[in-house]
Amino acid sequence: MTCKLLVALISVLFMTTIGTAQPLYDQRLRPGEKLEGLFIQERHLAGLAAPLHSEGRFLLAAGLGLIWQSEKPFDTAVVMTPAAITQFVDGKEIQRTPIEHLPFLARFYDMLAGALGGDWNAMAHEFSVARQGDTREWTVVLTPLNPDGPTAAQLRSIAVRGGAYVDSVELRRPNGDWERLDFRDQQRSSEPLGPAEARLLGAAPP
């Protein structure tokens, strides 16, 4: 769950904003808005001849949290809110962990919340940031600032590419493993959450 959610958080973090003084693009979610779309994920792991492939959809609701739903090859979901991380298999809850019990992911959730408010400093405290391109086509590469810190223990670098929205995220790990996420059909709207989505995120039903 940790690896999957880490990639999800990083990816959606970049979908919401890159809040620089001269932003490459700006898609900050405002209260009542949500961002949703499809993802394709490939994980390249040492010792495996072929990458692990998964597909699904995500939904990020401003101020409420993230739903990361894998549909292929298995029906699994991870839901992250300010209070907890919950994992589901075939629609059944199998694990719920208070956010304070996962300090590394809690820091990433703080970055996500900061990004939603336009606070790029939340990322700059953990990573050095290299940018190139313009609003039509851009790349951002992050590398951990502290080589001995918990972030560097999990990540070697993150490369994010996109235009109006994020198109892909490539994450490299210190052990040589790497992952790539491609995104499709992203939509931003102010439509109310569906009953199932509201229930997962602990929101008032529509």
Protein backbone atom coordinates (compact mmCIF):
# COMPACT_ATOMS: atom_id res chain seq x y z
CA MET A 1 0.00 0.00 0.00
CA THR A 2 2.79 2.43 0.82
CA CYS A 3 4.43 2.37 -2.63
CA LYS A 4 1.16 2.60 -4.50
CA LEU A 5 -0.10 5.51 -2.42
CA LEU A 6 3.22 7.31 -2.58
CA VAL A 7 3.08 7.33 -6.38
CA ALA A 8 -0.55 8.42 -6.30
CA LEU A 9 0.15 11.32 -3.97
CA ILE A 10 3.11 12.56 -5.97
CA SER A 11 1.15 12.33 -9.19
CA VAL A 12 -1.95 14.09 -8.00
CA LEU A 13 0.15 16.68 -6.21
CA PHE A 14 1.46 17.79 -9.58
CA MET A 15 -1.97 17.68 -11.15
CA THR A 16 -3.25 20.24 -8.70
CA THR A 17 -0.54 22.90 -8.93
CA ILE A 18 3.04 23.83 -9.42
CA GLY A 19 2.80 27.03 -7.42
CA THR A 20 5.92 28.90 -8.45
CA ALA A 21 6.31 32.62 -8.93
CA GLN A 22 6.22 31.92 -12.67
CA PRO A 23 4.15 28.74 -12.82
CA LEU A 24 4.49 26.33 -15.68
CA TYR A 25 0.77 25.80 -15.31
CA ASP A 26 -1.87 26.34 -12.64
CA GLN A 27 -4.64 23.85 -11.94
CA ARG A 28 -5.22 24.53 -8.25
CA LEU A 29 -8.43 22.99 -7.01
CA ARG A 30 -10.76 25.32 -5.18
CA PRO A 31 -13.21 24.40 -2.42
CA GLY A 32 -15.98 22.25 -3.84
CA GLU A 33 -13.94 21.18 -6.89
CA LYS A 34 -12.65 17.75 -7.80
CA LEU A 35 -10.18 16.34 -10.31
CA GLU A 36 -10.64 12.85 -11.74
CA GLY A 37 -9.27 10.72 -14.54
CA LEU A 38 -7.68 7.43 -15.59
CA PHE A 39 -4.18 6.09 -14.97
CA ILE A 40 -1.92 3.37 -16.38
CA GLN A 41 0.92 2.27 -14.11
CA GLU A 42 4.01 0.18 -14.86
CA ARG A 43 6.36 -0.96 -12.10
CA HIS A 44 9.81 -2.21 -13.11
CA LEU A 45 11.20 -4.32 -10.27
CA ALA A 46 14.55 -6.05 -9.92
CA GLY A 47 14.30 -9.76 -10.59
CA LEU A 48 11.17 -9.55 -12.74
CA ALA A 49 11.52 -9.98 -16.50
CA ALA A 50 8.38 -7.98 -17.29
CA PRO A 51 6.94 -4.90 -15.61
CA LEU A 52 3.85 -5.08 -13.41
CA HIS A 53 0.96 -3.38 -15.16
CA SER A 54 -2.16 -1.88 -13.59
CA GLU A 55 -4.96 0.43 -14.67
CA GLY A 56 -7.63 2.36 -12.88
CA ARG A 57 -9.01 5.75 -11.99
CA PHE A 58 -8.44 8.44 -9.39
CA LEU A 59 -10.46 11.20 -7.78
CA LEU A 60 -9.08 14.08 -5.74
CA ALA A 61 -11.63 16.22 -3.86
CA ALA A 62 -10.35 19.55 -2.53
CA GLY A 63 -10.07 19.49 1.24
CA LEU A 64 -11.41 15.94 1.53
CA GLY A 65 -8.85 13.52 0.14
CA LEU A 66 -7.86 11.11 -2.60
CA ILE A 67 -9.44 7.92 -3.99
CA TRP A 68 -6.97 5.76 -5.97
CA GLN A 69 -8.92 2.89 -7.56
CA SER A 70 -7.08 0.08 -9.37
CA GLU A 71 -9.38 -1.92 -11.66
CA LYS A 72 -6.89 -4.18 -13.53
CA PRO A 73 -5.50 -6.71 -12.84
CA PHE A 74 -7.30 -6.61 -9.45
CA ASP A 75 -10.04 -4.54 -7.87
CA THR A 76 -8.26 -2.65 -5.11
CA ALA A 77 -8.54 0.88 -3.77
CA VAL A 78 -6.63 3.17 -1.45
CA VAL A 79 -8.42 6.13 0.12
CA MET A 80 -6.46 8.86 1.86
CA THR A 81 -8.04 11.58 3.97
CA PRO A 82 -6.52 13.96 6.54
CA ALA A 83 -7.41 11.38 9.20
CA ALA A 84 -6.53 7.96 7.79
CA ILE A 85 -5.42 5.73 4.95
CA THR A 86 -7.84 2.92 4.12
CA GLN A 87 -7.31 -0.03 1.77
CA PHE A 88 -10.09 -1.97 0.04
CA VAL A 89 -10.06 -5.24 -1.90
CA ASP A 90 -13.11 -6.17 -4.00
CA GLY A 91 -14.99 -3.33 -2.32
CA LYS A 92 -14.34 -4.58 1.22
CA GLU A 93 -12.29 -2.62 3.74
CA ILE A 94 -9.29 -4.67 4.84
CA GLN A 95 -7.08 -2.11 6.58
CA ARG A 96 -7.43 1.36 8.10
CA THR A 97 -4.38 3.20 9.43
CA PRO A 98 -4.45 6.58 11.20
CA ILE A 99 -2.35 9.06 9.26
CA GLU A 100 -0.08 9.80 12.21
CA HIS A 101 1.11 6.17 12.16
CA LEU A 102 2.66 6.69 8.70
CA PRO A 103 4.87 9.77 9.10
CA PHE A 104 6.46 9.57 5.64
CA LEU A 105 3.10 9.49 3.87
CA ALA A 106 1.73 12.06 6.30
CA ARG A 107 4.40 14.48 5.09
CA PHE A 108 3.32 13.86 1.51
CA TYR A 109 -0.28 14.50 2.46
CA ASP A 110 0.83 17.80 4.01
CA MET A 111 2.48 18.66 0.69
CA LEU A 112 -0.73 17.82 -1.11
CA ALA A 113 -2.76 20.01 1.21
CA GLY A 114 -0.24 22.83 0.80
CA ALA A 115 -0.30 22.54 -2.97
CA LEU A 116 -4.08 22.82 -2.97
CA GLY A 117 -3.59 26.17 -1.24
CA GLY A 118 -0.82 27.22 -3.64
CA ASP A 119 2.06 26.65 -1.19
CA TRP A 120 5.00 25.40 -3.28
CA ASN A 121 7.29 25.74 -0.27
CA ALA A 122 5.77 22.53 1.06
CA MET A 123 7.64 20.67 -1.72
CA ALA A 124 10.73 22.89 -1.73
CA HIS A 125 11.50 21.87 1.87
CA GLU A 126 12.05 18.26 0.77
CA PHE A 127 13.27 18.48 -2.84
CA SER A 128 15.49 20.43 -5.16
CA VAL A 129 13.44 21.43 -8.19
CA ALA A 130 14.64 21.65 -11.82
CA ARG A 131 12.16 23.03 -14.36
CA GLN A 132 12.20 23.45 -18.09
CA GLY A 133 9.71 24.11 -20.87
CA ASP A 134 6.61 26.29 -21.03
CA THR A 135 2.88 25.99 -20.40
CA ARG A 136 2.39 23.86 -23.53
CA GLU A 137 5.09 21.30 -22.72
CA TRP A 138 7.11 21.20 -19.52
CA THR A 139 9.23 18.93 -17.34
CA VAL A 140 9.92 19.11 -13.61
CA VAL A 141 12.57 16.91 -11.96
CA LEU A 142 12.71 16.56 -8.17
CA THR A 143 15.60 15.14 -6.17
CA PRO A 144 15.64 14.82 -2.36
CA LEU A 145 17.57 17.58 -0.60
CA ASN A 146 18.81 15.44 2.29
CA PRO A 147 20.62 12.30 1.05
CA ASP A 148 20.35 10.74 4.51
CA GLY A 149 16.71 11.65 5.15
CA PRO A 150 13.57 9.48 4.95
CA THR A 151 12.60 10.90 1.55
CA ALA A 152 15.91 9.86 -0.03
CA ALA A 153 15.49 6.39 1.47
CA GLN A 154 12.32 6.00 -0.62
CA LEU A 155 13.12 8.05 -3.73
CA ARG A 156 16.09 8.89 -5.95
CA SER A 157 14.25 11.21 -8.31
CA ILE A 158 10.82 12.11 -9.70
CA ALA A 159 10.35 13.35 -13.26
CA VAL A 160 6.98 14.89 -14.13
CA ARG A 161 5.96 15.83 -17.68
CA GLY A 162 2.87 17.54 -18.94
CA GLY A 163 1.09 20.44 -20.58
CA ALA A 164 -2.33 21.64 -19.46
CA TYR A 165 -2.33 18.71 -17.03
CA VAL A 166 0.24 16.14 -15.98
CA ASP A 167 0.79 13.54 -18.70
CA SER A 168 3.26 11.25 -16.91
CA VAL A 169 5.24 10.73 -13.71
CA GLU A 170 8.41 8.63 -13.55
CA LEU A 171 9.71 7.69 -10.13
CA ARG A 172 13.19 6.21 -9.54
CA ARG A 173 14.14 4.42 -6.33
CA PRO A 174 17.56 3.97 -4.70
CA ASN A 175 17.52 0.19 -5.31
CA GLY A 176 17.12 0.62 -9.08
CA ASP A 177 13.39 -0.09 -9.22
CA TRP A 178 11.33 2.47 -11.11
CA GLU A 179 7.71 3.22 -11.91
CA ARG A 180 5.85 5.18 -14.55
CA LEU A 181 2.32 6.54 -14.50
CA ASP A 182 0.49 7.83 -17.57
CA PHE A 183 -2.74 9.79 -17.19
CA ARG A 184 -5.77 10.04 -19.48
CA ASP A 185 -9.16 11.76 -19.67
CA GLN A 186 -8.59 14.16 -16.78
CA GLN A 187 -11.55 16.32 -15.87
CA ARG A 188 -11.98 19.06 -13.34
CA SER A 189 -15.46 19.97 -12.15
CA SER A 190 -17.63 21.33 -9.36
CA GLU A 191 -20.19 18.54 -9.59
CA PRO A 192 -21.12 17.00 -6.23
CA LEU A 193 -19.49 13.76 -5.20
CA GLY A 194 -21.50 10.61 -5.77
CA PRO A 195 -22.86 8.82 -2.69
CA ALA A 196 -20.12 6.16 -2.75
CA GLU A 197 -17.35 8.76 -3.17
CA ALA A 198 -18.74 10.91 -0.38
CA ARG A 199 -18.93 7.93 1.92
CA LEU A 200 -15.32 6.91 1.21
CA LEU A 201 -14.05 10.43 1.88
CA GLY A 202 -16.19 10.97 4.96
CA ALA A 203 -18.11 13.84 3.36
CA ALA A 204 -21.74 14.74 3.81
CA PRO A 205 -23.86 12.80 1.29
CA PRO A 206 -25.02 14.82 -1.75
